[in-house]
Amino acid sequence: ILELPKFSKKSNTKINQKEQLCIWHLKSSMGNTKGVDNWACGVILYILLCGRPPFYGKDIQAILLSIKKGIFTFDREPFYKVSNDAKDLISKLLVKDPVKRYTALKAYEHPWVKK
């Protein structure tokens, strides 16, 4: 579970109330399967290589909408130095359709992991 603090619209100060963003809220668009773990690995890999999440927005609702759309890019500056193999693996892990998404075994056998 990723807990995100709620911010006031009038200022950037934290409000004591926290909202929880759970992967289970997204199961209708991503499938509630083992593939969700592989999707999460794609998100983590993206963050490790770029320093920012692949899906973003101004608030929780915008972030959820971005995740449901499943659209991300490698246009951010850190990705200019990242290998095409690494970007290929991320692309195959962040597939919206759980049937088409890479399995853990396929990810393990990917050329970027094997290097």
Protein backbone atom coordinates (compact mmCIF):
# COMPACT_ATOMS: atom_id res chain seq x y z
CA ILE A 1 0.00 0.00 0.00
CA LEU A 2 1.28 3.41 -0.94
CA GLU A 3 0.06 6.12 1.40
CA LEU A 4 -0.09 9.60 -0.01
CA PRO A 5 -0.65 12.64 2.21
CA LYS A 6 -3.60 14.84 1.28
CA PHE A 7 -2.75 18.47 0.61
CA SER A 8 -4.97 21.48 1.00
CA LYS A 9 -5.93 23.20 -2.26
CA LYS A 10 -5.18 26.59 -0.68
CA SER A 11 -1.66 25.68 0.39
CA ASN A 12 0.89 22.91 0.19
CA THR A 13 0.54 22.00 3.86
CA LYS A 14 -0.28 18.46 4.85
CA ILE A 15 -3.68 17.63 6.26
CA ASN A 16 -3.67 14.91 8.95
CA GLN A 17 -6.06 12.77 6.94
CA LYS A 18 -4.23 10.36 4.58
CA GLU A 19 -5.64 8.65 1.56
CA GLN A 20 -4.49 5.18 0.60
CA LEU A 21 -3.80 4.31 -3.00
CA CYS A 22 -4.10 0.53 -3.39
CA ILE A 23 -3.43 -1.53 -6.47
CA TRP A 24 -6.73 -3.28 -5.80
CA HIS A 25 -8.62 -0.12 -6.80
CA LEU A 26 -7.29 -0.70 -10.28
CA LYS A 27 -8.12 -4.40 -10.70
CA SER A 28 -10.83 -3.70 -13.27
CA SER A 29 -8.30 -2.14 -15.63
CA MET A 30 -5.24 -4.26 -14.79
CA GLY A 31 -6.64 -7.62 -13.76
CA ASN A 32 -6.42 -9.03 -10.25
CA THR A 33 -3.81 -11.69 -11.04
CA LYS A 34 -0.17 -12.50 -10.44
CA GLY A 35 0.43 -10.11 -13.32
CA VAL A 36 -0.29 -7.20 -10.99
CA ASP A 37 2.99 -8.04 -9.23
CA ASN A 38 4.79 -7.95 -12.57
CA TRP A 39 3.16 -4.61 -13.36
CA ALA A 40 4.36 -3.31 -9.98
CA CYS A 41 7.89 -4.53 -10.83
CA GLY A 42 7.67 -2.46 -14.02
CA VAL A 43 6.71 0.61 -11.99
CA ILE A 44 9.57 0.04 -9.55
CA LEU A 45 12.07 -0.50 -12.38
CA TYR A 46 10.88 2.71 -14.05
CA ILE A 47 11.35 4.62 -10.78
CA LEU A 48 14.79 3.13 -10.18
CA LEU A 49 16.00 4.15 -13.64
CA CYS A 50 14.32 7.55 -13.81
CA GLY A 51 13.72 8.71 -10.25
CA ARG A 52 10.00 9.38 -10.86
CA PRO A 53 6.92 7.20 -11.27
CA PRO A 54 5.65 6.43 -14.78
CA PHE A 55 2.13 7.58 -13.91
CA TYR A 56 1.53 10.95 -12.32
CA GLY A 57 -1.09 13.63 -11.79
CA LYS A 58 -1.91 16.68 -9.72
CA ASP A 59 -3.98 14.66 -7.23
CA ILE A 60 -4.90 11.06 -6.42
CA GLN A 61 -7.80 10.99 -8.88
CA ALA A 62 -5.53 12.21 -11.70
CA ILE A 63 -2.91 9.60 -10.79
CA LEU A 64 -5.54 6.83 -10.83
CA LEU A 65 -6.80 8.02 -14.22
CA SER A 66 -3.23 8.04 -15.56
CA ILE A 67 -2.72 4.49 -14.30
CA LYS A 68 -6.02 3.28 -15.78
CA LYS A 69 -5.09 4.76 -19.17
CA GLY A 70 -1.74 2.97 -18.94
CA ILE A 71 0.06 5.63 -20.93
CA PHE A 72 3.66 6.42 -20.01
CA THR A 73 6.69 7.69 -21.88
CA PHE A 74 10.45 7.49 -21.82
CA ASP A 75 10.78 11.19 -22.75
CA ARG A 76 12.19 12.27 -19.42
CA GLU A 77 15.85 13.23 -19.45
CA PRO A 78 17.23 10.31 -17.40
CA PHE A 79 15.86 7.86 -19.97
CA TYR A 80 18.07 9.27 -22.72
CA LYS A 81 20.94 7.36 -21.08
CA VAL A 82 18.96 4.16 -20.36
CA SER A 83 19.46 1.22 -22.72
CA ASN A 84 16.77 0.22 -25.19
CA ASP A 85 16.72 -3.25 -23.59
CA ALA A 86 15.79 -1.76 -20.20
CA LYS A 87 13.05 0.36 -21.75
CA ASP A 88 11.79 -2.69 -23.65
CA LEU A 89 11.49 -4.69 -20.42
CA ILE A 90 9.60 -1.87 -18.69
CA SER A 91 7.27 -1.61 -21.68
CA LYS A 92 6.51 -5.32 -21.49
CA LEU A 93 5.84 -5.20 -17.75
CA LEU A 94 3.60 -2.12 -17.88
CA VAL A 95 1.15 -3.63 -20.36
CA LYS A 96 -2.45 -2.95 -19.29
CA ASP A 97 -3.79 -6.31 -20.45
CA PRO A 98 -2.67 -8.95 -17.90
CA VAL A 99 -2.79 -11.67 -20.57
CA LYS A 100 -0.28 -9.76 -22.74
CA ARG A 101 1.85 -8.55 -19.81
CA TYR A 102 5.22 -10.26 -19.27
CA THR A 103 5.27 -13.04 -16.70
CA ALA A 104 8.00 -13.21 -14.07
CA LEU A 105 9.71 -15.97 -16.06
CA LYS A 106 9.67 -13.95 -19.28
CA ALA A 107 11.05 -10.94 -17.39
CA TYR A 108 13.79 -13.11 -15.90
CA GLU A 109 14.72 -14.34 -19.38
CA HIS A 110 14.73 -10.83 -20.90
CA PRO A 111 18.06 -9.79 -22.47
CA TRP A 112 18.44 -6.79 -20.12
CA VAL A 113 18.18 -9.04 -17.04
CA LYS A 114 20.54 -11.61 -18.55
CA LYS A 115 23.30 -9.04 -19.17
